[in-house]
Structures are given as structure tokens and as C-alpha cells.
């Protein structure tokens, strides 16, 4: 009887523990329905028709002013400097471009939420 007891004890110790998951474990692993209760993501704020038109106009203005500023800078390097009228025009274009770029960034931020 002693050898049988030793054999049973050895098998019990050598056998890996079996684990049977309970219902509570299954709920934790699945997330207990958390996805079903989660609210849907908030929709991004849409731009109104006027804001979309303003965004497009501001982007166009930025591109046009970039071209004009590049032309003046090319004239600056080619001629060795700008005249007073060209310098004033360059400053005006730069200020208008900064204002248009700020409008683009503001509307893009609103559009992207």
C-alpha cells in the first residue's frame, strides 16, 4: 500500500495543475460587455458652408502670396536689393500671408476636432 500511496503522491505532484475558468473569469477576459456600453465617438465638428469657402479662399491666398513673395525675393537676389516700393510690397504680402495662414490653421483645427 505504501508504494501505491507514493506513486499517487508522485503523480499528483508531477501533474500540472488544471485550471477551469469560471464565468467571472470569462467576463473579465472578454471585457464584460464593455464595448457594448461604450458611447460612440463624438462626430467631428463640421465646418459650415461659409467656413469651408473661407478655408479654400485662405488656402488660395496663401499660395498666391507665396508666389509673389518668392518673386520679390528672387528680384532681391538678382538685383542686389529691393527698392522701397518693393520692400513695402514684400512687407504687405508677408503680413497678409501670416493672416491668411492663421485663418487656415484655425479652420483646420476646427475641422479636425
N, C-alpha and C. Protein backbone atom coordinates (compact mmCIF):
# COMPACT_ATOMS: atom_id res chain seq x y z
N UNK A 1 0.81 -1.18 0.00
CA UNK A 1 0.00 0.00 0.00
C UNK A 1 0.86 1.25 0.00
N UNK A 2 1.98 1.14 0.70
CA UNK A 2 2.87 2.28 0.74
C UNK A 2 3.39 2.62 -0.66
N UNK A 3 3.78 1.65 -1.50
CA UNK A 3 4.24 2.01 -2.84
C UNK A 3 3.12 2.66 -3.67
N UNK A 4 1.88 2.23 -3.51
CA UNK A 4 0.78 2.83 -4.26
C UNK A 4 0.54 4.27 -3.82
N UNK A 5 0.65 4.53 -2.52
CA UNK A 5 0.48 5.88 -1.99
C UNK A 5 1.58 6.79 -2.52
N UNK A 6 2.81 6.29 -2.55
CA UNK A 6 3.93 7.07 -3.06
C UNK A 6 3.74 7.35 -4.54
N UNK A 7 3.25 6.37 -5.28
CA UNK A 7 3.01 6.55 -6.70
C UNK A 7 1.93 7.61 -6.95
N UNK A 8 0.83 7.56 -6.21
CA UNK A 8 -0.24 8.55 -6.35
C UNK A 8 0.26 9.94 -5.97
N UNK A 9 1.02 10.04 -4.90
CA UNK A 9 1.58 11.31 -4.46
C UNK A 9 2.54 11.87 -5.51
N UNK A 10 3.36 11.05 -6.10
CA UNK A 10 4.31 11.48 -7.13
C UNK A 10 3.57 11.97 -8.37
N UNK A 11 2.52 11.27 -8.77
CA UNK A 11 1.75 11.71 -9.93
C UNK A 11 1.02 13.02 -9.66
N UNK A 12 0.52 13.19 -8.46
CA UNK A 12 -0.18 14.42 -8.11
C UNK A 12 0.76 15.61 -8.12
N UNK A 13 1.96 15.40 -7.66
CA UNK A 13 2.94 16.49 -7.63
C UNK A 13 3.47 16.77 -9.04
N UNK A 14 3.68 15.75 -9.83
CA UNK A 14 4.25 15.92 -11.16
C UNK A 14 3.23 16.42 -12.17
N UNK A 15 1.96 16.21 -11.96
CA UNK A 15 0.92 16.63 -12.90
C UNK A 15 0.72 18.14 -12.79
N UNK A 16 0.71 18.82 -13.93
CA UNK A 16 0.47 20.26 -13.86
C UNK A 16 -0.94 20.54 -13.36
N UNK A 17 -1.07 21.63 -12.73
CA UNK A 17 -2.38 21.98 -12.17
C UNK A 17 -3.34 22.31 -13.29
N UNK A 18 -4.51 21.77 -13.21
CA UNK A 18 -5.55 22.05 -14.19
C UNK A 18 -6.39 23.20 -13.66
N UNK A 19 -6.71 24.13 -14.56
CA UNK A 19 -7.48 25.30 -14.15
C UNK A 19 -8.72 25.36 -15.03
N UNK A 20 -9.85 25.40 -14.43
CA UNK A 20 -11.11 25.52 -15.15
C UNK A 20 -11.63 26.94 -14.91
N UNK A 21 -11.68 27.75 -15.98
CA UNK A 21 -12.13 29.13 -15.79
C UNK A 21 -13.60 29.17 -15.40
N UNK A 22 -13.90 30.09 -14.55
CA UNK A 22 -15.29 30.28 -14.12
C UNK A 22 -15.94 31.33 -15.00
N UNK A 23 -17.21 31.56 -14.81
CA UNK A 23 -17.94 32.56 -15.58
C UNK A 23 -17.37 33.96 -15.33
N UNK A 24 -16.98 34.24 -14.11
CA UNK A 24 -16.41 35.56 -13.79
C UNK A 24 -15.10 35.77 -14.54
N UNK A 25 -14.27 34.74 -14.65
CA UNK A 25 -13.03 34.86 -15.40
C UNK A 25 -13.30 35.12 -16.87
N UNK A 26 -14.28 34.46 -17.41
CA UNK A 26 -14.62 34.66 -18.81
C UNK A 26 -15.08 36.08 -19.06
N UNK A 27 -15.83 36.64 -18.15
CA UNK A 27 -16.30 38.02 -18.32
C UNK A 27 -15.14 39.00 -18.27
N UNK A 28 -14.19 38.75 -17.40
CA UNK A 28 -13.04 39.64 -17.31
C UNK A 28 -12.22 39.56 -18.58
N UNK A 29 -12.04 38.38 -19.11
CA UNK A 29 -11.23 38.21 -20.31
C UNK A 29 -11.89 38.84 -21.53
N UNK A 30 -13.19 38.77 -21.61
CA UNK A 30 -13.89 39.33 -22.76
C UNK A 30 -14.06 40.83 -22.59
N UNK A 31 -14.06 41.30 -21.39
CA UNK A 31 -14.26 42.71 -21.14
C UNK A 31 -15.63 42.96 -20.56
N UNK A 32 -16.33 41.95 -20.22
CA UNK A 32 -17.66 42.01 -19.59
C UNK A 32 -18.61 42.95 -20.30
N UNK A 33 -18.56 42.93 -21.62
CA UNK A 33 -19.51 43.73 -22.39
C UNK A 33 -19.20 45.21 -22.40
N UNK A 34 -17.97 45.58 -22.09
CA UNK A 34 -17.60 46.99 -22.05
C UNK A 34 -17.74 47.69 -23.38
N UNK A 35 -17.49 46.97 -24.45
CA UNK A 35 -17.60 47.59 -25.78
C UNK A 35 -19.05 47.93 -26.10
N UNK A 36 -19.98 47.11 -25.62
CA UNK A 36 -21.38 47.37 -25.92
C UNK A 36 -21.88 48.60 -25.18
N UNK A 37 -21.32 48.88 -24.03
CA UNK A 37 -21.79 50.02 -23.23
C UNK A 37 -21.05 51.32 -23.53
N UNK A 38 -19.97 51.23 -24.24
CA UNK A 38 -19.18 52.43 -24.53
C UNK A 38 -19.96 53.31 -25.51
N UNK A 39 -19.95 54.59 -25.26
CA UNK A 39 -20.68 55.51 -26.13
C UNK A 39 -19.93 55.65 -27.45
N UNK A 40 -20.64 55.90 -28.53
CA UNK A 40 -19.97 56.06 -29.82
C UNK A 40 -19.10 57.31 -29.81
N UNK A 41 -18.05 57.32 -30.62
CA UNK A 41 -17.18 58.50 -30.65
C UNK A 41 -17.95 59.74 -31.11
N UNK A 42 -17.56 60.87 -30.54
CA UNK A 42 -18.21 62.12 -30.92
C UNK A 42 -17.86 62.45 -32.36
N UNK A 43 -18.82 62.89 -33.13
CA UNK A 43 -18.51 63.28 -34.50
C UNK A 43 -17.69 64.56 -34.51
N UNK A 44 -16.85 64.65 -35.49
CA UNK A 44 -16.04 65.87 -35.60
C UNK A 44 -16.94 67.04 -35.96
N UNK A 45 -16.61 68.20 -35.41
CA UNK A 45 -17.41 69.37 -35.79
C UNK A 45 -17.20 69.68 -37.26
N UNK A 46 -18.27 69.85 -37.94
CA UNK A 46 -18.18 70.13 -39.37
C UNK A 46 -18.11 71.64 -39.58
N UNK A 47 -17.43 72.00 -40.63
CA UNK A 47 -17.37 73.41 -40.99
C UNK A 47 -18.66 73.76 -41.74
N UNK A 48 -19.12 74.95 -41.47
CA UNK A 48 -20.29 75.41 -42.21
C UNK A 48 -19.88 75.70 -43.66
N UNK A 49 -20.84 75.92 -44.50
CA UNK A 49 -20.56 76.21 -45.91
C UNK A 49 -19.69 77.45 -46.04
N UNK A 50 -20.00 78.48 -45.26
CA UNK A 50 -19.23 79.72 -45.31
C UNK A 50 -17.79 79.48 -44.82
N UNK A 51 -17.65 78.66 -43.78
CA UNK A 51 -16.31 78.39 -43.27
C UNK A 51 -15.49 77.57 -44.27
N UNK A 52 -16.11 76.63 -44.96
CA UNK A 52 -15.40 75.87 -45.97
C UNK A 52 -14.94 76.76 -47.11
N UNK A 53 -15.81 77.67 -47.53
CA UNK A 53 -15.44 78.61 -48.58
C UNK A 53 -14.30 79.51 -48.12
N UNK A 54 -14.36 79.94 -46.86
CA UNK A 54 -13.31 80.80 -46.32
C UNK A 54 -11.99 80.04 -46.23
N UNK A 55 -12.04 78.75 -45.88
CA UNK A 55 -10.84 77.93 -45.81
C UNK A 55 -10.20 77.80 -47.18
N UNK A 56 -11.00 77.53 -48.18
CA UNK A 56 -10.48 77.39 -49.55
C UNK A 56 -9.89 78.71 -50.03
N UNK A 57 -10.60 79.80 -49.76
CA UNK A 57 -10.11 81.12 -50.18
C UNK A 57 -8.81 81.47 -49.47
N UNK A 58 -8.71 81.15 -48.18
CA UNK A 58 -7.49 81.46 -47.43
C UNK A 58 -6.32 80.61 -47.92
N UNK A 59 -6.59 79.34 -48.25
CA UNK A 59 -5.51 78.50 -48.79
C UNK A 59 -5.03 79.03 -50.13
N UNK A 60 -5.97 79.43 -50.98
CA UNK A 60 -5.59 80.01 -52.27
C UNK A 60 -4.78 81.28 -52.09
N UNK A 61 -5.20 82.10 -51.14
CA UNK A 61 -4.49 83.35 -50.88
C UNK A 61 -3.06 83.08 -50.40
N UNK A 62 -2.90 82.06 -49.54
CA UNK A 62 -1.56 81.71 -49.06
C UNK A 62 -0.67 81.30 -50.24
N UNK A 63 -1.21 80.46 -51.14
CA UNK A 63 -0.40 80.02 -52.29
C UNK A 63 -0.04 81.18 -53.20
N UNK A 64 -0.99 82.07 -53.46
CA UNK A 64 -0.72 83.22 -54.33
C UNK A 64 0.32 84.14 -53.69
N UNK A 65 0.17 84.39 -52.40
CA UNK A 65 1.12 85.28 -51.73
C UNK A 65 2.50 84.64 -51.65
N UNK A 66 2.56 83.33 -51.50
CA UNK A 66 3.87 82.65 -51.51
C UNK A 66 4.57 82.89 -52.84
N UNK A 67 3.82 82.81 -53.94
CA UNK A 67 4.41 83.06 -55.26
C UNK A 67 4.91 84.50 -55.38
N UNK A 68 4.10 85.45 -54.93
CA UNK A 68 4.51 86.87 -55.01
C UNK A 68 5.73 87.14 -54.14
N UNK A 69 5.75 86.56 -52.96
CA UNK A 69 6.89 86.76 -52.06
C UNK A 69 8.14 86.13 -52.67
N UNK A 70 8.00 84.95 -53.28
CA UNK A 70 9.14 84.29 -53.92
C UNK A 70 9.66 85.14 -55.08
N UNK A 71 8.75 85.76 -55.84
CA UNK A 71 9.18 86.63 -56.95
C UNK A 71 9.97 87.83 -56.43
N UNK A 72 9.49 88.43 -55.35
CA UNK A 72 10.20 89.57 -54.78
C UNK A 72 11.56 89.16 -54.21
N UNK A 73 11.63 87.99 -53.60
CA UNK A 73 12.91 87.53 -53.06
C UNK A 73 13.89 87.19 -54.19
N UNK A 74 13.36 86.67 -55.30
CA UNK A 74 14.21 86.41 -56.46
C UNK A 74 14.74 87.73 -57.03
N UNK A 75 13.88 88.74 -57.07
CA UNK A 75 14.32 90.06 -57.55
C UNK A 75 15.35 90.64 -56.61
N UNK A 76 15.21 90.38 -55.32
CA UNK A 76 16.16 90.87 -54.33
C UNK A 76 17.54 90.28 -54.58
N UNK A 77 17.60 88.98 -54.83
CA UNK A 77 18.91 88.36 -55.05
C UNK A 77 19.47 88.72 -56.42
N UNK A 78 18.61 88.87 -57.42
CA UNK A 78 19.09 89.18 -58.78
C UNK A 78 19.58 90.61 -58.88
N UNK A 79 18.88 91.53 -58.25
CA UNK A 79 19.22 92.94 -58.39
C UNK A 79 20.09 93.44 -57.25
N UNK A 80 20.32 92.62 -56.25
CA UNK A 80 21.17 93.04 -55.14
C UNK A 80 20.44 93.86 -54.10
N UNK A 81 19.14 93.86 -54.13
CA UNK A 81 18.36 94.59 -53.14
C UNK A 81 17.02 95.00 -53.70
N UNK A 82 16.12 95.36 -52.80
CA UNK A 82 14.78 95.77 -53.20
C UNK A 82 14.67 97.29 -53.13
N UNK A 83 13.85 97.83 -53.99
CA UNK A 83 13.55 99.25 -53.91
C UNK A 83 12.60 99.45 -52.73
N UNK A 84 12.38 100.69 -52.37
CA UNK A 84 11.48 100.98 -51.25
C UNK A 84 10.07 100.49 -51.55
N UNK A 85 9.61 100.65 -52.78
CA UNK A 85 8.27 100.18 -53.15
C UNK A 85 8.19 98.65 -53.07
N UNK A 86 9.24 97.98 -53.53
CA UNK A 86 9.26 96.52 -53.46
C UNK A 86 9.32 96.03 -52.01
N UNK A 87 10.07 96.74 -51.19
CA UNK A 87 10.17 96.37 -49.78
C UNK A 87 8.81 96.52 -49.09
N UNK A 88 8.12 97.62 -49.38
CA UNK A 88 6.79 97.83 -48.82
C UNK A 88 5.81 96.76 -49.30
N UNK A 89 5.91 96.42 -50.59
CA UNK A 89 5.05 95.37 -51.15
C UNK A 89 5.36 94.02 -50.48
N UNK A 90 6.63 93.72 -50.28
CA UNK A 90 7.03 92.47 -49.62
C UNK A 90 6.48 92.40 -48.20
N UNK A 91 6.59 93.51 -47.46
CA UNK A 91 6.06 93.53 -46.09
C UNK A 91 4.54 93.34 -46.08
N UNK A 92 3.85 93.97 -47.04
CA UNK A 92 2.40 93.84 -47.14
C UNK A 92 2.01 92.39 -47.45
N UNK A 93 2.70 91.79 -48.40
CA UNK A 93 2.42 90.39 -48.75
C UNK A 93 2.69 89.46 -47.58
N UNK A 94 3.77 89.70 -46.87
CA UNK A 94 4.12 88.85 -45.72
C UNK A 94 3.06 88.95 -44.63
N UNK A 95 2.60 90.16 -44.34
CA UNK A 95 1.58 90.34 -43.31
C UNK A 95 0.26 89.68 -43.72
N UNK A 96 -0.12 89.86 -45.00
CA UNK A 96 -1.36 89.23 -45.48
C UNK A 96 -1.24 87.71 -45.46
N UNK A 97 -0.05 87.19 -45.79
CA UNK A 97 0.14 85.75 -45.78
C UNK A 97 0.03 85.19 -44.36
N UNK A 98 0.59 85.90 -43.39
CA UNK A 98 0.51 85.44 -42.00
C UNK A 98 -0.95 85.42 -41.52
N UNK A 99 -1.72 86.41 -41.90
CA UNK A 99 -3.13 86.46 -41.51
C UNK A 99 -3.91 85.32 -42.19
N UNK A 100 -3.64 85.09 -43.47
CA UNK A 100 -4.33 84.01 -44.18
C UNK A 100 -3.93 82.64 -43.62
N UNK A 101 -2.66 82.48 -43.28
CA UNK A 101 -2.19 81.21 -42.71
C UNK A 101 -2.83 80.97 -41.35
N UNK A 102 -3.00 82.01 -40.56
CA UNK A 102 -3.66 81.87 -39.25
C UNK A 102 -5.11 81.42 -39.44
N UNK A 103 -5.77 81.96 -40.45
CA UNK A 103 -7.15 81.55 -40.74
C UNK A 103 -7.20 80.09 -41.15
N UNK A 104 -6.26 79.67 -42.00
CA UNK A 104 -6.21 78.27 -42.43
C UNK A 104 -6.00 77.35 -41.23
N UNK A 105 -5.05 77.70 -40.38
CA UNK A 105 -4.76 76.86 -39.21
C UNK A 105 -5.95 76.79 -38.25
N UNK A 106 -6.63 77.90 -38.06
CA UNK A 106 -7.79 77.92 -37.17
C UNK A 106 -8.92 77.05 -37.71
N UNK A 107 -9.21 77.16 -38.99
CA UNK A 107 -10.28 76.37 -39.58
C UNK A 107 -9.91 74.90 -39.69
N UNK A 108 -8.65 74.60 -39.96
CA UNK A 108 -8.21 73.19 -39.98
C UNK A 108 -8.32 72.57 -38.58
N UNK A 109 -7.97 73.34 -37.56
CA UNK A 109 -8.08 72.83 -36.18
C UNK A 109 -9.55 72.56 -35.85
N UNK A 110 -10.42 73.43 -36.27
CA UNK A 110 -11.85 73.22 -36.01
C UNK A 110 -12.36 72.00 -36.79
N UNK A 111 -11.90 71.86 -38.01
CA UNK A 111 -12.34 70.75 -38.86
C UNK A 111 -11.85 69.41 -38.31
N UNK A 112 -10.65 69.37 -37.77
CA UNK A 112 -10.08 68.12 -37.26
C UNK A 112 -10.47 67.83 -35.83
N UNK A 113 -11.17 68.73 -35.22
CA UNK A 113 -11.67 68.49 -33.87
C UNK A 113 -10.64 68.77 -32.87
